[in-house]
Amino acid sequence: MSPALSTIILLVISNIFMTFAWYGHLRLSASGVSASWPLYAVILFSWGVALLEYCCQVPANRIGYEGNGGPYSLIQLKVMQEVITLVVFAVFSIMAFEGFELRWNHIAAFALLVGAVYLVFMK
């Protein structure tokens, strides 16, 4: 598999874990799974999930970074990661939280971020 594709796949996987670490505990609490957990237990749970995120994020950056022979500059990696984060967050929010909806301004903001990706890839 090419370094470019490996990087993107690892970034998507890492962002799934990151989103669950940051916001999944809110859904677990709302569903009653972790509602009675003390805050330190929620933090430890989130750290455990975040460890899985780092197991994908760090290799993605190492594989993808042009300084290590990859195809992407540092800024390209960062902007791609932010767009992937927002896409994963939007899908997760729609699936996990009742009443969450994407409005026109959210979609416009995402379009601007995609524009940012385009700009950082320009030579």
Protein backbone atom coordinates (compact mmCIF):
# COMPACT_ATOMS: atom_id res chain seq x y z
CA MET A 1 0.00 0.00 0.00
CA SER A 2 1.30 3.45 -0.83
CA PRO A 3 2.48 5.79 1.94
CA ALA A 4 -0.14 8.35 0.87
CA LEU A 5 -3.04 5.90 1.23
CA SER A 6 -1.61 4.32 4.41
CA THR A 7 -1.37 7.75 5.98
CA ILE A 8 -4.96 8.65 5.17
CA ILE A 9 -6.34 5.31 6.39
CA LEU A 10 -4.39 5.57 9.66
CA LEU A 11 -5.58 9.17 10.14
CA VAL A 12 -9.20 8.08 9.69
CA ILE A 13 -8.81 5.20 12.17
CA SER A 14 -7.03 7.42 14.69
CA ASN A 15 -9.77 10.03 14.43
CA ILE A 16 -12.47 7.44 15.06
CA PHE A 17 -10.70 6.52 18.30
CA MET A 18 -10.08 10.18 19.15
CA THR A 19 -13.71 11.12 18.65
CA PHE A 20 -14.85 8.24 20.81
CA ALA A 21 -12.29 9.17 23.51
CA TRP A 22 -13.38 12.82 23.51
CA TYR A 23 -17.14 12.47 23.00
CA GLY A 24 -18.05 8.79 23.33
CA HIS A 25 -18.13 9.00 27.10
CA LEU A 26 -20.95 11.54 26.76
CA ARG A 27 -23.00 9.01 24.82
CA LEU A 28 -22.11 6.25 27.28
CA SER A 29 -23.24 8.46 30.14
CA ALA A 30 -26.51 9.38 28.41
CA SER A 31 -27.23 5.68 27.78
CA GLY A 32 -26.58 4.87 31.46
CA VAL A 33 -23.43 2.81 30.89
CA SER A 34 -21.07 5.23 32.62
CA ALA A 35 -23.51 7.62 34.31
CA SER A 36 -22.40 6.57 37.79
CA TRP A 37 -18.68 6.46 37.04
CA PRO A 38 -16.57 9.00 38.93
CA LEU A 39 -14.77 11.53 36.77
CA TYR A 40 -11.38 9.87 37.23
CA ALA A 41 -12.81 6.61 35.79
CA VAL A 42 -14.17 8.46 32.76
CA ILE A 43 -10.76 10.10 32.29
CA LEU A 44 -8.95 6.75 32.54
CA PHE A 45 -11.40 5.19 30.09
CA SER A 46 -10.86 8.06 27.64
CA TRP A 47 -7.09 7.80 28.04
CA GLY A 48 -7.27 4.11 27.21
CA VAL A 49 -9.20 4.87 24.02
CA ALA A 50 -6.82 7.74 23.23
CA LEU A 51 -3.89 5.32 23.48
CA LEU A 52 -5.40 3.45 20.54
CA GLU A 53 -5.70 6.77 18.71
CA TYR A 54 -2.00 7.49 19.24
CA CYS A 55 -1.12 3.99 18.01
CA CYS A 56 -2.51 5.08 14.63
CA GLN A 57 -1.81 8.83 14.66
CA VAL A 58 1.92 8.61 15.30
CA PRO A 59 2.59 6.04 12.55
CA ALA A 60 0.37 8.02 10.14
CA ASN A 61 2.48 11.12 10.67
CA ARG A 62 5.77 9.22 10.48
CA ILE A 63 4.76 7.41 7.28
CA GLY A 64 3.23 10.47 5.66
CA TYR A 65 5.75 13.15 6.57
CA GLU A 66 8.02 14.17 3.69
CA GLY A 67 10.97 14.46 6.09
CA ASN A 68 10.68 10.68 6.56
CA GLY A 69 10.24 9.97 2.86
CA GLY A 70 6.47 10.37 2.82
CA PRO A 71 4.42 12.41 0.38
CA TYR A 72 3.05 15.14 2.69
CA SER A 73 4.42 18.31 4.25
CA LEU A 74 3.80 19.05 7.89
CA ILE A 75 1.05 21.57 7.10
CA GLN A 76 -0.61 19.16 4.66
CA LEU A 77 -0.71 16.47 7.34
CA LYS A 78 -2.24 18.87 9.85
CA VAL A 79 -4.91 20.27 7.55
CA MET A 80 -5.87 16.78 6.32
CA GLN A 81 -6.11 15.62 9.92
CA GLU A 82 -8.43 18.50 10.82
CA VAL A 83 -10.78 17.80 7.91
CA ILE A 84 -10.82 14.08 8.73
CA THR A 85 -11.53 14.96 12.37
CA LEU A 86 -14.55 17.06 11.43
CA VAL A 87 -15.94 14.47 9.02
CA VAL A 88 -15.58 11.69 11.60
CA PHE A 89 -17.08 13.95 14.28
CA ALA A 90 -20.07 14.82 12.09
CA VAL A 91 -20.80 11.16 11.27
CA PHE A 92 -20.34 10.13 14.91
CA SER A 93 -22.60 12.93 16.17
CA ILE A 94 -25.38 12.11 13.73
CA MET A 95 -25.21 8.42 14.64
CA ALA A 96 -24.72 8.71 18.40
CA PHE A 97 -26.72 11.75 19.49
CA GLU A 98 -30.43 12.16 18.93
CA GLY A 99 -31.41 15.56 17.69
CA PHE A 100 -28.00 16.40 16.27
CA GLU A 101 -28.31 17.75 12.77
CA LEU A 102 -25.97 19.34 10.30
CA ARG A 103 -27.17 22.78 9.29
CA TRP A 104 -26.18 24.83 6.28
CA ASN A 105 -23.56 26.76 8.23
CA HIS A 106 -21.87 23.52 9.34
CA ILE A 107 -21.72 22.32 5.75
CA ALA A 108 -20.39 25.72 4.63
CA ALA A 109 -17.67 25.53 7.29
CA PHE A 110 -16.72 22.02 6.13
CA ALA A 111 -16.55 23.27 2.54
CA LEU A 112 -14.17 26.03 3.62
CA LEU A 113 -11.97 23.42 5.31
CA VAL A 114 -11.91 21.34 2.15
CA GLY A 115 -10.86 24.55 0.42
CA ALA A 116 -8.05 24.82 2.96
CA VAL A 117 -6.88 21.33 2.01
CA TYR A 118 -6.89 22.36 -1.63
CA LEU A 119 -4.85 25.46 -0.83
CA VAL A 120 -2.17 23.64 1.17
CA PHE A 121 -1.69 21.16 -1.66
CA MET A 122 -1.12 23.90 -4.24
CA LYS A 123 2.44 24.25 -5.44
